[in-house]
Amino acid sequence: MITTLVSLLALAAPIPGQAAPTFTEVSAQNGEISLEQFEGKTVVLEWTNDGCPFVKKHYNANNMQQLQKRAAAEEIVWIQVISSAPGKQGHADAARATHLNEDRGAKPAYVLLDEDGSMGRAYAAKTTPHMFVIDGEGMVRYNGAIDTIPSSNPDDIPNAQNYVSAALSQMKDGGEVVTKVSKPYGCSVKYADS
């Protein structure tokens, strides 16, 4: 009973308005990256898996790259997280992750290699993509899907409301994020035990 309760608590997603789980992970750019080093900056976390059709939707349509470009222009730290375990779909070492992003014109500030899934589990990341927006005080402001249309069809992107873009705009003006939580959609995160 206690083990089950601990397991359930470990999978509880961070709630907007609460502190984001801290992390220290190896980056594809070498070295370790921690949440604390971005104090005072907005951070976007993007769980990704290049083999997932839902991820491909947003990258093949240049949607994710445009969001990353906007984030960089606004001094927002965009972090891709790869929690796919070795041998699972979407797993990438540093060289492969860098090559993937170069090929698709993606420019996240960092790519974190979460092979053991510890960061993914801390955030209860369920899908690729699964998005989180964290403010400069380390508080979760948004947790969920990238947008309002849960499909793998890129033709749906222009008709969808982008939750991440909306949250960043609302935070930029000092306001409250209107949609704080949504149900993430996509492929399941390929943890070692899944």
C-alpha atoms as a PDB file:
ATOM      1  CA  MET A   1       0.000   0.000   0.000  1.00  0.00           C
ATOM      2  CA  ILE A   2       2.749   2.480   0.964  1.00  0.00           C
ATOM      3  CA  THR A   3       4.810   1.523  -2.115  1.00  0.00           C
ATOM      4  CA  THR A   4       1.773   2.098  -4.348  1.00  0.00           C
ATOM      5  CA  LEU A   5       1.126   5.497  -2.744  1.00  0.00           C
ATOM      6  CA  VAL A   6       4.780   6.505  -3.213  1.00  0.00           C
ATOM      7  CA  SER A   7       4.605   5.395  -6.861  1.00  0.00           C
ATOM      8  CA  LEU A   8       1.455   7.431  -7.439  1.00  0.00           C
ATOM      9  CA  LEU A   9       2.964  10.511  -5.805  1.00  0.00           C
ATOM     10  CA  ALA A  10       6.081  10.140  -7.943  1.00  0.00           C
ATOM     11  CA  LEU A  11       3.899  10.287 -11.053  1.00  0.00           C
ATOM     12  CA  ALA A  12       1.901  13.343  -9.968  1.00  0.00           C
ATOM     13  CA  ALA A  13       2.442  16.164 -12.424  1.00  0.00           C
ATOM     14  CA  PRO A  14       3.611  19.508 -11.064  1.00  0.00           C
ATOM     15  CA  ILE A  15       0.661  21.809 -10.521  1.00  0.00           C
ATOM     16  CA  PRO A  16       0.720  25.335 -11.955  1.00  0.00           C
ATOM     17  CA  GLY A  17       1.381  27.769  -9.149  1.00  0.00           C
ATOM     18  CA  GLN A  18       3.726  25.345  -7.402  1.00  0.00           C
ATOM     19  CA  ALA A  19       7.502  25.093  -7.625  1.00  0.00           C
ATOM     20  CA  ALA A  20       8.824  23.161 -10.603  1.00  0.00           C
ATOM     21  CA  PRO A  21      10.781  20.027  -9.745  1.00  0.00           C
ATOM     22  CA  THR A  22      14.487  20.785  -9.734  1.00  0.00           C
ATOM     23  CA  PHE A  23      16.712  18.879 -12.108  1.00  0.00           C
ATOM     24  CA  THR A  24      20.316  18.433 -13.109  1.00  0.00           C
ATOM     25  CA  GLU A  25      20.776  16.560 -16.380  1.00  0.00           C
ATOM     26  CA  VAL A  26      23.501  15.952 -18.933  1.00  0.00           C
ATOM     27  CA  SER A  27      23.085  18.122 -22.022  1.00  0.00           C
ATOM     28  CA  ALA A  28      23.863  17.188 -25.609  1.00  0.00           C
ATOM     29  CA  GLN A  29      26.079  20.282 -25.673  1.00  0.00           C
ATOM     30  CA  ASN A  30      28.270  18.709 -22.931  1.00  0.00           C
ATOM     31  CA  GLY A  31      28.107  19.480 -19.256  1.00  0.00           C
ATOM     32  CA  GLU A  32      25.194  19.469 -16.865  1.00  0.00           C
ATOM     33  CA  ILE A  33      22.219  21.792 -16.913  1.00  0.00           C
ATOM     34  CA  SER A  34      20.097  22.558 -13.854  1.00  0.00           C
ATOM     35  CA  LEU A  35      16.908  24.530 -13.416  1.00  0.00           C
ATOM     36  CA  GLU A  36      18.536  26.773 -10.800  1.00  0.00           C
ATOM     37  CA  GLN A  37      20.937  28.284 -13.328  1.00  0.00           C
ATOM     38  CA  PHE A  38      17.995  29.925 -15.127  1.00  0.00           C
ATOM     39  CA  GLU A  39      16.699  31.852 -12.135  1.00  0.00           C
ATOM     40  CA  GLY A  40      14.958  35.007 -13.350  1.00  0.00           C
ATOM     41  CA  LYS A  41      14.246  33.566 -16.806  1.00  0.00           C
ATOM     42  CA  THR A  42      11.200  31.879 -18.267  1.00  0.00           C
ATOM     43  CA  VAL A  43      11.903  28.248 -19.197  1.00  0.00           C
ATOM     44  CA  VAL A  44       9.986  26.039 -21.636  1.00  0.00           C
ATOM     45  CA  LEU A  45      10.401  22.273 -21.340  1.00  0.00           C
ATOM     46  CA  GLU A  46       9.543  20.193 -24.401  1.00  0.00           C
ATOM     47  CA  TRP A  47       9.532  16.399 -24.165  1.00  0.00           C
ATOM     48  CA  THR A  48      10.443  15.037 -27.579  1.00  0.00           C
ATOM     49  CA  ASN A  49      10.846  11.792 -29.548  1.00  0.00           C
ATOM     50  CA  ASP A  50      11.785  12.153 -33.218  1.00  0.00           C
ATOM     51  CA  GLY A  51      10.041   8.869 -34.126  1.00  0.00           C
ATOM     52  CA  CYS A  52       6.660  10.021 -32.834  1.00  0.00           C
ATOM     53  CA  PRO A  53       4.150  11.164 -35.508  1.00  0.00           C
ATOM     54  CA  PHE A  54       2.840  13.886 -33.180  1.00  0.00           C
ATOM     55  CA  VAL A  55       6.334  15.326 -32.775  1.00  0.00           C
ATOM     56  CA  LYS A  56       6.924  15.006 -36.523  1.00  0.00           C
ATOM     57  CA  LYS A  57       3.708  16.977 -37.106  1.00  0.00           C
ATOM     58  CA  HIS A  58       5.095  20.018 -35.306  1.00  0.00           C
ATOM     59  CA  TYR A  59       8.645  19.752 -36.663  1.00  0.00           C
ATOM     60  CA  ASN A  60       7.774  18.938 -40.287  1.00  0.00           C
ATOM     61  CA  ALA A  61       5.423  21.942 -40.352  1.00  0.00           C
ATOM     62  CA  ASN A  62       8.144  24.168 -38.785  1.00  0.00           C
ATOM     63  CA  ASN A  63       5.780  24.940 -35.897  1.00  0.00           C
ATOM     64  CA  MET A  64       8.124  23.893 -33.077  1.00  0.00           C
ATOM     65  CA  GLN A  65      11.069  25.681 -34.698  1.00  0.00           C
ATOM     66  CA  GLN A  66       9.075  28.928 -34.892  1.00  0.00           C
ATOM     67  CA  LEU A  67       8.224  28.683 -31.200  1.00  0.00           C
ATOM     68  CA  GLN A  68      11.891  28.056 -30.380  1.00  0.00           C
ATOM     69  CA  LYS A  69      12.922  31.045 -32.496  1.00  0.00           C
ATOM     70  CA  ARG A  70      10.398  33.260 -30.707  1.00  0.00           C
ATOM     71  CA  ALA A  71      11.629  32.017 -27.336  1.00  0.00           C
ATOM     72  CA  ALA A  72      15.244  32.843 -28.213  1.00  0.00           C
ATOM     73  CA  ALA A  73      14.269  36.336 -29.390  1.00  0.00           C
ATOM     74  CA  GLU A  74      12.475  36.935 -26.072  1.00  0.00           C
ATOM     75  CA  GLU A  75      15.344  35.492 -23.982  1.00  0.00           C
ATOM     76  CA  ILE A  76      13.226  32.511 -22.954  1.00  0.00           C
ATOM     77  CA  VAL A  77      15.205  29.317 -22.336  1.00  0.00           C
ATOM     78  CA  TRP A  78      13.834  26.465 -24.485  1.00  0.00           C
ATOM     79  CA  ILE A  79      14.910  23.009 -23.327  1.00  0.00           C
ATOM     80  CA  GLN A  80      14.212  19.798 -25.219  1.00  0.00           C
ATOM     81  CA  VAL A  81      14.104  16.714 -23.015  1.00  0.00           C
ATOM     82  CA  ILE A  82      14.680  13.225 -24.410  1.00  0.00           C
ATOM     83  CA  SER A  83      13.522  10.664 -21.849  1.00  0.00           C
ATOM     84  CA  SER A  84      13.520   7.707 -24.263  1.00  0.00           C
ATOM     85  CA  ALA A  85      15.614   4.928 -22.766  1.00  0.00           C
ATOM     86  CA  PRO A  86      18.416   3.218 -24.705  1.00  0.00           C
ATOM     87  CA  GLY A  87      16.899   0.791 -27.200  1.00  0.00           C
ATOM     88  CA  LYS A  88      13.543   2.610 -27.209  1.00  0.00           C
ATOM     89  CA  GLN A  89      12.025   4.773 -29.963  1.00  0.00           C
ATOM     90  CA  GLY A  90      13.415   8.301 -29.900  1.00  0.00           C
ATOM     91  CA  HIS A  91      16.517   7.524 -27.833  1.00  0.00           C
ATOM     92  CA  ALA A  92      19.385   9.795 -28.779  1.00  0.00           C
ATOM     93  CA  ASP A  93      22.916  10.285 -27.601  1.00  0.00           C
ATOM     94  CA  ALA A  94      24.501  13.732 -27.819  1.00  0.00           C
ATOM     95  CA  ALA A  95      25.694  13.341 -31.412  1.00  0.00           C
ATOM     96  CA  ARG A  96      22.352  12.028 -32.689  1.00  0.00           C
ATOM     97  CA  ALA A  97      20.337  14.689 -30.842  1.00  0.00           C
ATOM     98  CA  THR A  98      22.541  17.441 -32.272  1.00  0.00           C
ATOM     99  CA  HIS A  99      22.317  15.982 -35.781  1.00  0.00           C
ATOM    100  CA  LEU A 100      18.505  15.681 -35.576  1.00  0.00           C
ATOM    101  CA  ASN A 101      18.125  19.325 -34.610  1.00  0.00           C
ATOM    102  CA  GLU A 102      20.540  20.500 -37.306  1.00  0.00           C
ATOM    103  CA  ASP A 103      18.632  18.491 -39.932  1.00  0.00           C
ATOM    104  CA  ARG A 104      15.265  19.938 -39.002  1.00  0.00           C
ATOM    105  CA  GLY A 105      16.443  23.473 -38.299  1.00  0.00           C
ATOM    106  CA  ALA A 106      15.533  23.266 -34.628  1.00  0.00           C
ATOM    107  CA  LYS A 107      17.282  25.580 -32.207  1.00  0.00           C
ATOM    108  CA  PRO A 108      16.442  24.738 -28.609  1.00  0.00           C
ATOM    109  CA  ALA A 109      18.787  26.413 -26.147  1.00  0.00           C
ATOM    110  CA  TYR A 110      19.591  22.996 -24.660  1.00  0.00           C
ATOM    111  CA  VAL A 111      18.843  19.316 -25.213  1.00  0.00           C
ATOM    112  CA  LEU A 112      18.788  17.190 -22.070  1.00  0.00           C
ATOM    113  CA  LEU A 113      19.523  13.456 -22.275  1.00  0.00           C
ATOM    114  CA  ASP A 114      17.325  11.902 -19.593  1.00  0.00           C
ATOM    115  CA  GLU A 115      18.149   8.252 -20.345  1.00  0.00           C
ATOM    116  CA  ASP A 116      17.160   6.995 -16.904  1.00  0.00           C
ATOM    117  CA  GLY A 117      13.845   8.888 -17.063  1.00  0.00           C
ATOM    118  CA  SER A 118      14.371  10.613 -13.705  1.00  0.00           C
ATOM    119  CA  MET A 119      13.519  14.071 -15.009  1.00  0.00           C
ATOM    120  CA  GLY A 120      10.562  12.799 -17.012  1.00  0.00           C
ATOM    121  CA  ARG A 121       9.170  11.025 -13.975  1.00  0.00           C
ATOM    122  CA  ALA A 122       9.732  14.074 -11.751  1.00  0.00           C
ATOM    123  CA  TYR A 123       7.534  16.060 -14.139  1.00  0.00           C
ATOM    124  CA  ALA A 124       5.186  13.116 -14.830  1.00  0.00           C
ATOM    125  CA  ALA A 125       5.839  13.689 -18.534  1.00  0.00           C
ATOM    126  CA  LYS A 126       3.382  11.436 -20.316  1.00  0.00           C
ATOM    127  CA  THR A 127       3.631  12.176 -24.015  1.00  0.00           C
ATOM    128  CA  THR A 128       5.794  13.560 -26.760  1.00  0.00           C
ATOM    129  CA  PRO A 129       5.320  16.411 -26.986  1.00  0.00           C
ATOM    130  CA  HIS A 130       4.475  17.316 -23.381  1.00  0.00           C
ATOM    131  CA  MET A 131       5.081  20.972 -22.590  1.00  0.00           C
ATOM    132  CA  PHE A 132       5.795  22.906 -19.393  1.00  0.00           C
ATOM    133  CA  VAL A 133       6.308  26.641 -18.917  1.00  0.00           C
ATOM    134  CA  ILE A 134       8.190  27.741 -15.798  1.00  0.00           C
ATOM    135  CA  ASP A 135       8.529  31.366 -14.731  1.00  0.00           C
ATOM    136  CA  GLY A 136      11.629  33.168 -13.497  1.00  0.00           C
ATOM    137  CA  GLU A 137      10.786  32.312  -9.884  1.00  0.00           C
ATOM    138  CA  GLY A 138      10.781  28.591 -10.670  1.00  0.00           C
ATOM    139  CA  MET A 139       7.010  28.222 -10.576  1.00  0.00           C
ATOM    140  CA  VAL A 140       5.104  26.072 -13.062  1.00  0.00           C
ATOM    141  CA  ARG A 141       2.771  28.291 -15.056  1.00  0.00           C
ATOM    142  CA  TYR A 142       1.605  25.789 -17.707  1.00  0.00           C
ATOM    143  CA  ASN A 143       1.545  21.986 -18.013  1.00  0.00           C
ATOM    144  CA  GLY A 144       0.063  20.059 -20.921  1.00  0.00           C
ATOM    145  CA  ALA A 145      -0.407  19.824 -24.662  1.00  0.00           C
ATOM    146  CA  ILE A 146       1.194  22.112 -27.184  1.00  0.00           C
ATOM    147  CA  ASP A 147      -2.184  23.035 -28.669  1.00  0.00           C
ATOM    148  CA  THR A 148      -5.917  22.370 -28.754  1.00  0.00           C
ATOM    149  CA  ILE A 149      -6.146  19.808 -31.581  1.00  0.00           C
ATOM    150  CA  PRO A 150      -4.832  16.363 -30.558  1.00  0.00           C
ATOM    151  CA  SER A 151      -3.929  14.985 -33.964  1.00  0.00           C
ATOM    152  CA  SER A 152      -0.831  14.069 -35.945  1.00  0.00           C
ATOM    153  CA  ASN A 153      -2.086  15.973 -39.014  1.00  0.00           C
ATOM    154  CA  PRO A 154      -0.037  19.133 -39.702  1.00  0.00           C
ATOM    155  CA  ASP A 155      -3.016  20.641 -41.535  1.00  0.00           C
ATOM    156  CA  ASP A 156      -4.646  21.099 -38.106  1.00  0.00           C
ATOM    157  CA  ILE A 157      -1.955  23.462 -36.798  1.00  0.00           C
ATOM    158  CA  PRO A 158      -3.397  26.701 -38.269  1.00  0.00           C
ATOM    159  CA  ASN A 159      -6.801  25.903 -36.724  1.00  0.00           C
ATOM    160  CA  ALA A 160      -5.456  25.110 -33.259  1.00  0.00           C
ATOM    161  CA  GLN A 161      -4.889  27.460 -30.360  1.00  0.00           C
ATOM    162  CA  ASN A 162      -1.265  27.076 -29.267  1.00  0.00           C
ATOM    163  CA  TYR A 163      -1.273  26.849 -25.471  1.00  0.00           C
ATOM    164  CA  VAL A 164       2.470  27.471 -25.146  1.00  0.00           C
ATOM    165  CA  SER A 165       2.451  30.572 -27.332  1.00  0.00           C
ATOM    166  CA  ALA A 166      -0.575  31.923 -25.445  1.00  0.00           C
ATOM    167  CA  ALA A 167       1.052  31.284 -22.055  1.00  0.00           C
ATOM    168  CA  LEU A 168       4.245  33.069 -23.100  1.00  0.00           C
ATOM    169  CA  SER A 169       2.274  36.074 -24.383  1.00  0.00           C
ATOM    170  CA  GLN A 170       0.195  36.287 -21.202  1.00  0.00           C
ATOM    171  CA  MET A 171       3.284  36.013 -18.986  1.00  0.00           C
ATOM    172  CA  LYS A 172       5.147  38.634 -21.042  1.00  0.00           C
ATOM    173  CA  ASP A 173       2.456  41.158 -20.204  1.00  0.00           C
ATOM    174  CA  GLY A 174       2.662  40.202 -16.523  1.00  0.00           C
ATOM    175  CA  GLY A 175      -0.715  38.521 -16.581  1.00  0.00           C
ATOM    176  CA  GLU A 176      -2.058  35.192 -15.489  1.00  0.00           C
ATOM    177  CA  VAL A 177      -1.870  32.252 -17.832  1.00  0.00           C
ATOM    178  CA  VAL A 178      -5.489  31.603 -18.818  1.00  0.00           C
ATOM    179  CA  THR A 179      -5.179  27.886 -19.590  1.00  0.00           C
ATOM    180  CA  LYS A 180      -2.836  26.510 -16.938  1.00  0.00           C
ATOM    181  CA  VAL A 181      -3.374  22.788 -17.531  1.00  0.00           C
ATOM    182  CA  SER A 182      -4.454  20.735 -20.512  1.00  0.00           C
ATOM    183  CA  LYS A 183      -4.330  17.046 -21.342  1.00  0.00           C
ATOM    184  CA  PRO A 184      -1.084  16.324 -23.224  1.00  0.00           C
ATOM    185  CA  TYR A 185      -1.395  14.311 -26.414  1.00  0.00           C
ATOM    186  CA  GLY A 186       1.071  12.339 -28.484  1.00  0.00           C
ATOM    187  CA  CYS A 187       3.108   9.156 -28.148  1.00  0.00           C
ATOM    188  CA  SER A 188       3.804   7.804 -24.683  1.00  0.00           C
ATOM    189  CA  VAL A 189       7.225   8.699 -23.285  1.00  0.00           C
ATOM    190  CA  LYS A 190       9.420   5.634 -23.843  1.00  0.00           C
ATOM    191  CA  TYR A 191      10.745   5.088 -20.349  1.00  0.00           C
ATOM    192  CA  ALA A 192      12.981   2.100 -19.661  1.00  0.00           C
ATOM    193  CA  ASP A 193      10.187   0.147 -17.984  1.00  0.00           C
ATOM    194  CA  SER A 194       7.424   1.007 -20.452  1.00  0.00           C
END
